[in-house]
Protein backbone atom coordinates (compact mmCIF):
# COMPACT_ATOMS: atom_id res chain seq x y z
CA UNK A 1 81.34 101.73 18.87
CA UNK A 2 78.41 104.41 17.99
CA UNK A 3 78.24 107.30 20.27
CA UNK A 4 74.16 107.59 20.32
CA UNK A 5 73.92 110.16 23.03
CA UNK A 6 76.14 112.95 21.20
CA UNK A 7 75.09 112.34 17.76
CA UNK A 8 74.07 114.58 16.07
CA UNK A 9 71.76 116.22 18.45
CA UNK A 10 74.54 116.41 21.69
CA UNK A 11 77.66 117.81 19.48
CA UNK A 12 75.21 120.36 18.19
CA UNK A 13 73.83 121.18 21.45
CA UNK A 14 78.38 120.92 22.41
CA UNK A 15 78.95 123.51 20.43
CA UNK A 16 76.94 126.43 22.78
CA UNK A 17 76.67 124.01 26.37
CA UNK A 18 79.12 122.34 28.30
CA UNK A 19 78.53 118.25 27.82
CA UNK A 20 77.22 116.22 30.83
CA UNK A 21 80.82 114.66 30.94
CA UNK A 22 78.78 111.66 32.34
CA UNK A 23 76.20 110.81 29.56
CA UNK A 24 77.54 113.84 26.74
CA UNK A 25 81.03 112.88 26.87
CA UNK A 26 82.01 109.55 24.22
CA UNK A 27 83.40 106.76 25.48
CA UNK A 28 85.65 106.11 22.81
CA UNK A 29 85.30 104.01 19.35
CA UNK A 30 87.93 101.58 20.74
CA UNK A 31 86.48 100.83 24.02
CA UNK A 32 87.43 98.89 26.53
CA UNK A 33 90.71 98.76 25.21
CA UNK A 34 91.13 102.30 25.14
CA UNK A 35 88.53 104.44 26.78
CA UNK A 36 88.50 108.28 27.75
CA UNK A 37 88.21 108.83 31.16
CA UNK A 38 86.59 111.98 33.18
CA UNK A 39 89.39 112.95 36.10
CA UNK A 40 87.93 114.11 39.10
CA UNK A 41 90.84 114.10 41.54
CA UNK A 42 94.59 114.41 41.10
CA UNK A 43 97.27 113.34 43.04
CA UNK A 44 97.63 116.76 44.93
CA UNK A 45 94.49 117.23 45.80
CA UNK A 46 93.31 117.07 49.48
CA UNK A 47 89.96 117.82 49.06
CA UNK A 48 87.83 114.58 47.15
CA UNK A 49 85.65 116.22 44.29
CA UNK A 50 83.14 113.96 42.86
CA UNK A 51 80.68 114.63 39.69
CA UNK A 52 77.50 116.19 40.52
CA UNK A 53 75.19 113.12 38.50
CA UNK A 54 72.28 116.00 37.93
CA UNK A 55 74.10 119.19 36.91
CA UNK A 56 77.43 117.72 35.62
CA UNK A 57 79.54 120.23 37.37
CA UNK A 58 82.17 118.54 40.17
CA UNK A 59 81.43 118.97 43.55
CA UNK A 60 82.99 118.36 47.07
CA UNK A 61 82.72 115.51 48.72
CA UNK A 62 84.34 115.94 51.29
CA UNK A 63 87.94 117.06 52.77
CA UNK A 64 90.16 113.86 53.66
CA UNK A 65 90.27 113.14 57.03
CA UNK A 66 94.10 112.70 57.13
CA UNK A 67 96.94 112.46 54.99
CA UNK A 68 96.23 110.06 52.60
CA UNK A 69 95.75 111.25 48.68
CA UNK A 70 95.55 109.02 45.74
CA UNK A 71 98.66 107.57 43.75
CA UNK A 72 97.41 108.49 40.09
CA UNK A 73 94.06 110.41 38.35
CA UNK A 74 91.24 109.27 39.80
CA UNK A 75 87.42 109.89 37.49
CA UNK A 76 84.95 107.96 35.77
CA UNK A 77 84.48 106.46 32.41
CA UNK A 78 81.61 108.25 30.90
CA UNK A 79 78.51 106.19 29.49
CA UNK A 80 79.09 103.43 32.04
CA UNK A 81 76.44 102.19 34.57
CA UNK A 82 77.56 100.10 37.32
CA UNK A 83 74.13 97.68 37.11
CA UNK A 84 72.46 94.08 37.59
CA UNK A 85 75.32 93.10 35.28
CA UNK A 86 78.39 94.54 36.78
CA UNK A 87 76.84 93.11 40.32
CA UNK A 88 76.65 89.85 38.95
CA UNK A 89 79.67 89.28 37.39
CA UNK A 90 81.01 90.43 40.89
CA UNK A 91 78.36 87.48 42.56
CA UNK A 92 80.16 84.83 39.69
CA UNK A 93 83.97 85.99 40.92
CA UNK A 94 83.60 85.60 44.71
CA UNK A 95 80.42 82.88 44.94
CA UNK A 96 78.43 85.61 46.68
CA UNK A 97 74.95 86.04 46.20
CA UNK A 98 73.73 89.39 47.36
CA UNK A 99 75.83 91.65 45.59
CA UNK A 100 74.59 94.47 43.08
CA UNK A 101 75.99 97.20 41.42
CA UNK A 102 76.57 100.46 43.17
CA UNK A 103 74.79 103.19 40.25
CA UNK A 104 77.52 105.09 39.87
CA UNK A 105 79.66 105.16 36.53
CA UNK A 106 82.59 103.13 36.60
CA UNK A 107 85.72 104.48 38.35
CA UNK A 108 89.15 104.72 37.11
CA UNK A 109 92.79 105.39 38.31
CA UNK A 110 95.10 106.27 35.06
CA UNK A 111 98.53 105.38 36.55
CA UNK A 112 101.30 108.60 34.79
CA UNK A 113 104.49 109.95 35.59
CA UNK A 114 103.37 113.36 34.86
CA UNK A 115 101.59 115.62 37.91
CA UNK A 116 98.63 117.40 36.48
CA UNK A 117 97.48 120.34 38.58
CA UNK A 118 93.66 119.91 38.72
CA UNK A 119 91.23 117.48 37.67
CA UNK A 120 87.77 118.36 35.61
CA UNK A 121 89.78 116.91 32.56
CA UNK A 122 89.45 114.01 29.94
CA UNK A 123 92.32 112.05 29.32
CA UNK A 124 92.54 108.81 27.07
CA UNK A 125 93.92 105.89 28.99
CA UNK A 126 94.28 102.75 28.88
CA UNK A 127 92.97 99.78 30.99
CA UNK A 128 95.53 96.71 32.13
CA UNK A 129 93.74 95.49 35.33
CA UNK A 130 90.96 96.39 38.51
CA UNK A 131 90.29 95.54 41.85
CA UNK A 132 87.14 94.06 42.44
CA UNK A 133 86.47 96.19 45.52
CA UNK A 134 82.98 95.61 47.11
CA UNK A 135 81.52 98.29 49.37
CA UNK A 136 78.68 96.71 52.16
CA UNK A 137 76.88 94.38 49.34
CA UNK A 138 77.72 97.07 46.60
CA UNK A 139 80.11 96.26 43.80
CA UNK A 140 82.62 99.27 43.43
CA UNK A 141 85.13 97.82 40.40
CA UNK A 142 88.12 100.47 40.39
CA UNK A 143 89.48 99.73 36.88
CA UNK A 144 93.43 100.81 36.73
CA UNK A 145 94.53 101.62 33.56
CA UNK A 146 97.86 103.79 31.60
CA UNK A 147 97.53 106.93 30.50
CA UNK A 148 98.01 106.62 26.89
CA UNK A 149 101.97 107.53 25.60
CA UNK A 150 102.93 107.94 28.88
CA UNK A 151 106.71 107.55 28.85
CA UNK A 152 106.94 105.50 31.94
CA UNK A 153 103.46 103.81 32.29
CA UNK A 154 102.72 103.48 28.85
CA UNK A 155 103.92 100.44 27.28
CA UNK A 156 102.71 98.36 30.26
CA UNK A 157 99.42 95.84 28.93
CA UNK A 158 99.15 94.34 31.82
CA UNK A 159 98.40 95.04 35.87
CA UNK A 160 100.92 92.59 36.52
CA UNK A 161 103.86 94.61 34.86
CA UNK A 162 103.00 97.87 37.33
CA UNK A 163 105.30 97.60 40.33
CA UNK A 164 104.33 96.28 43.22
CA UNK A 165 104.10 99.28 45.53
CA UNK A 166 102.31 101.28 43.34
CA UNK A 167 99.73 98.53 43.31
CA UNK A 168 99.86 98.50 47.23
CA UNK A 169 99.76 102.44 47.23
CA UNK A 170 96.32 102.50 45.11
CA UNK A 171 95.12 99.44 47.52
CA UNK A 172 96.00 101.48 50.59
CA UNK A 173 94.01 104.46 49.67
CA UNK A 174 90.62 102.93 48.26
CA UNK A 175 90.45 100.87 51.83
CA UNK A 176 91.31 103.85 53.76
CA UNK A 177 89.79 107.13 51.90
CA UNK A 178 86.42 106.71 53.29
CA UNK A 179 87.54 106.29 56.85
CA UNK A 180 85.49 108.21 59.82
CA UNK A 181 87.19 107.91 63.40
CA UNK A 182 84.81 105.98 65.11
CA UNK A 183 83.02 104.18 62.97
CA UNK A 184 83.73 100.57 61.28
CA UNK A 185 84.79 100.02 57.31
CA UNK A 186 82.86 97.95 55.23
CA UNK A 187 84.92 98.05 52.42
CA UNK A 188 87.36 94.95 50.77
CA UNK A 189 89.29 94.48 48.11
CA UNK A 190 88.73 90.98 46.94
CA UNK A 191 90.71 90.65 44.00
CA UNK A 192 92.82 92.11 41.98
CA UNK A 193 92.44 91.20 38.23
CA UNK A 194 94.11 91.56 35.05
CA UNK A 195 93.62 93.45 31.81
CA UNK A 196 90.91 90.81 30.43
CA UNK A 197 89.16 91.20 33.05
CA UNK A 198 88.57 94.58 33.24
CA UNK A 199 87.62 94.55 29.61
CA UNK A 200 84.48 92.20 30.58
CA UNK A 201 84.01 94.85 33.38
CA UNK A 202 83.34 98.05 31.40
CA UNK A 203 81.53 95.55 28.72
CA UNK A 204 79.28 95.01 31.18
CA UNK A 205 79.30 98.29 32.82
CA UNK A 206 78.14 100.18 28.83
CA UNK A 207 75.15 97.46 28.83
CA UNK A 208 74.28 97.99 32.25
CA UNK A 209 74.60 102.28 30.73
CA UNK A 210 72.34 101.47 27.62
CA UNK A 211 69.78 99.37 29.53
CA UNK A 212 69.50 102.04 32.55
CA UNK A 213 69.75 105.17 30.24
CA UNK A 214 68.03 103.54 27.01
CA UNK A 215 65.04 106.62 26.88
CA UNK A 216 67.89 109.41 26.61
CA UNK A 217 69.36 107.57 24.14
CA UNK A 218 65.92 107.29 22.14
CA UNK A 219 65.04 111.25 22.55
CA UNK A 220 68.75 111.96 21.53
CA UNK A 221 68.52 109.79 18.33
């Protein structure tokens, strides 16, 4: 896989300027089987951070209203976009007709035994499955991955090998992390899928990204 956006001008600029985590970081030559993930939030964070799409810096999205914290490293896959092709796949799998992509990079949770002190960093991750999450009428897939060479999780190749309690904790987090007092939640996890569907989601999100940001690639080529 060719890194269109950071070769060669982007890499030269990176010597002086910080690369944008979404556009300036290569997804990885072995994607979708192994990807680079940008981590926004770690398990000790009580504040939800999210990348600012314009500047590339982390922004405080919101303090968590309740005591739930994400039981994994949480961030997104660079050079992906949840657009028409991802939404189309969700419609195909659920039988719905009105689902569209949420317009964000694809989210990823990376399982590891280690405790990292902070986000705003890159890790090498191997996707093993995911959640088909729907927020309103938008596809909001969560890819589940393992940290490469992790002592506890690194050998796992499919989500079926992950202890059930770990999956339950992730499900609980994603079904409650947007909860606000007095407001009804419109979020659901329609299915938990394995490694091959995770690959398909990532491939489609790469296609969506290339279509969405085609002009950016042309400018840097």
